[in-house]
Amino acid sequence: MRWETVSRLDQIREAVKFPLIVNSGVRTPAYNAQVGGVDGSAHEKGWAADIAARTSGERYAILIAAFDAGFRRIGIAKTFIHLDMDPLKPDAVAWLY
């Protein structure tokens, strides 16, 4: 995983005051395809992580801290938050799973 991504995840962890559980970090293209990831996923380049969000409170705290840490590509699911900072993809987007 890219150092800039890890550094921003550390900022989130410090802000939320609970451990972050990374469900998915760097993926090989084969594994990315196996789990249904999009072609050219930011996971394949080390720019993305899926962080577990076990409750709505955790999800809210992670989202606020992610914005403060500078993440601008965010996917929201019931059980995780996708955080992504791929510089080759559109900035300032959010989506639901």
Protein backbone atom coordinates (compact mmCIF):
# COMPACT_ATOMS: atom_id res chain seq x y z
CA MET A 1 0.00 0.00 0.00
CA ARG A 2 1.25 3.47 -0.78
CA TRP A 3 2.73 5.40 2.11
CA GLU A 4 0.41 8.39 1.55
CA THR A 5 -2.63 6.11 1.86
CA VAL A 6 -1.29 4.49 5.04
CA SER A 7 -0.45 7.88 6.51
CA ARG A 8 -4.00 9.14 5.96
CA LEU A 9 -5.45 5.95 7.44
CA ASP A 10 -3.30 6.60 10.52
CA GLN A 11 -4.80 10.10 10.74
CA ILE A 12 -8.28 8.57 10.70
CA ARG A 13 -7.37 6.03 13.38
CA GLU A 14 -6.02 8.76 15.62
CA ALA A 15 -9.15 10.85 15.11
CA VAL A 16 -11.72 8.11 15.73
CA LYS A 17 -9.89 6.61 18.73
CA PHE A 18 -10.59 3.00 17.77
CA PRO A 19 -8.65 0.46 15.70
CA LEU A 20 -9.33 0.39 11.97
CA ILE A 21 -9.96 -3.03 10.49
CA VAL A 22 -8.81 -3.16 6.86
CA ASN A 23 -11.06 -5.61 5.02
CA SER A 24 -9.22 -5.12 1.75
CA GLY A 25 -6.04 -3.25 0.89
CA VAL A 26 -3.73 -3.93 -2.04
CA ARG A 27 -5.13 -6.51 -4.47
CA THR A 28 -3.61 -8.40 -7.36
CA PRO A 29 -5.56 -8.02 -10.61
CA ALA A 30 -6.63 -11.68 -10.34
CA TYR A 31 -7.93 -11.27 -6.78
CA ASN A 32 -9.59 -7.99 -7.67
CA ALA A 33 -11.51 -9.74 -10.46
CA GLN A 34 -12.38 -12.63 -8.12
CA VAL A 35 -13.99 -10.28 -5.56
CA GLY A 36 -15.86 -8.30 -8.21
CA GLY A 37 -13.64 -5.21 -8.21
CA VAL A 38 -13.69 -2.84 -11.18
CA ASP A 39 -10.98 -3.00 -13.83
CA GLY A 40 -8.11 -0.67 -12.90
CA SER A 41 -9.23 -0.56 -9.26
CA ALA A 42 -7.33 1.79 -6.97
CA HIS A 43 -6.79 -1.29 -4.77
CA GLU A 44 -4.49 -2.71 -7.46
CA LYS A 45 -2.26 0.39 -7.24
CA GLY A 46 -2.19 0.74 -3.45
CA TRP A 47 -4.38 3.85 -3.38
CA ALA A 48 -7.43 2.32 -1.67
CA ALA A 49 -8.58 0.47 1.43
CA ASP A 50 -11.91 -0.90 2.57
CA ILE A 51 -12.36 -0.19 6.28
CA ALA A 52 -14.82 -2.15 8.42
CA ALA A 53 -17.68 -0.12 9.87
CA ARG A 54 -19.56 -2.34 12.32
CA THR A 55 -22.10 0.24 13.47
CA SER A 56 -23.65 3.42 12.08
CA GLY A 57 -21.68 5.36 14.71
CA GLU A 58 -18.40 3.89 13.48
CA ARG A 59 -19.41 4.58 9.88
CA TYR A 60 -20.15 8.23 10.71
CA ALA A 61 -16.89 8.70 12.64
CA ILE A 62 -14.82 7.14 9.85
CA LEU A 63 -16.51 9.31 7.22
CA ILE A 64 -15.90 12.57 9.11
CA ALA A 65 -12.27 11.63 9.80
CA ALA A 66 -11.76 10.51 6.18
CA PHE A 67 -12.90 13.91 4.86
CA ASP A 68 -10.60 15.63 7.37
CA ALA A 69 -7.69 13.39 6.30
CA GLY A 70 -8.17 14.39 2.67
CA PHE A 71 -9.90 11.36 1.14
CA ARG A 72 -12.17 12.54 -1.68
CA ARG A 73 -13.22 9.23 -3.24
CA ILE A 74 -15.49 7.39 -0.82
CA GLY A 75 -17.77 4.39 -1.24
CA ILE A 76 -20.26 3.64 1.51
CA ALA A 77 -21.58 0.15 2.25
CA LYS A 78 -23.50 -1.28 5.18
CA THR A 79 -20.43 -2.96 6.67
CA PHE A 80 -17.47 -1.02 5.28
CA ILE A 81 -16.21 2.28 3.88
CA HIS A 82 -14.08 2.33 0.71
CA LEU A 83 -11.44 5.09 0.93
CA ASP A 84 -9.53 5.91 -2.21
CA MET A 85 -7.10 8.59 -3.34
CA ASP A 86 -6.15 7.43 -6.82
CA PRO A 87 -4.79 10.55 -8.54
CA LEU A 88 -5.78 9.23 -11.98
CA LYS A 89 -9.48 8.99 -11.13
CA PRO A 90 -12.12 11.72 -10.69
CA ASP A 91 -11.84 13.60 -7.42
CA ALA A 92 -14.66 14.41 -5.00
CA VAL A 93 -17.00 11.47 -5.63
CA ALA A 94 -19.07 9.28 -3.33
CA TRP A 95 -21.08 6.18 -4.09
CA LEU A 96 -23.18 3.53 -2.38
CA TYR A 97 -22.73 -0.24 -2.59
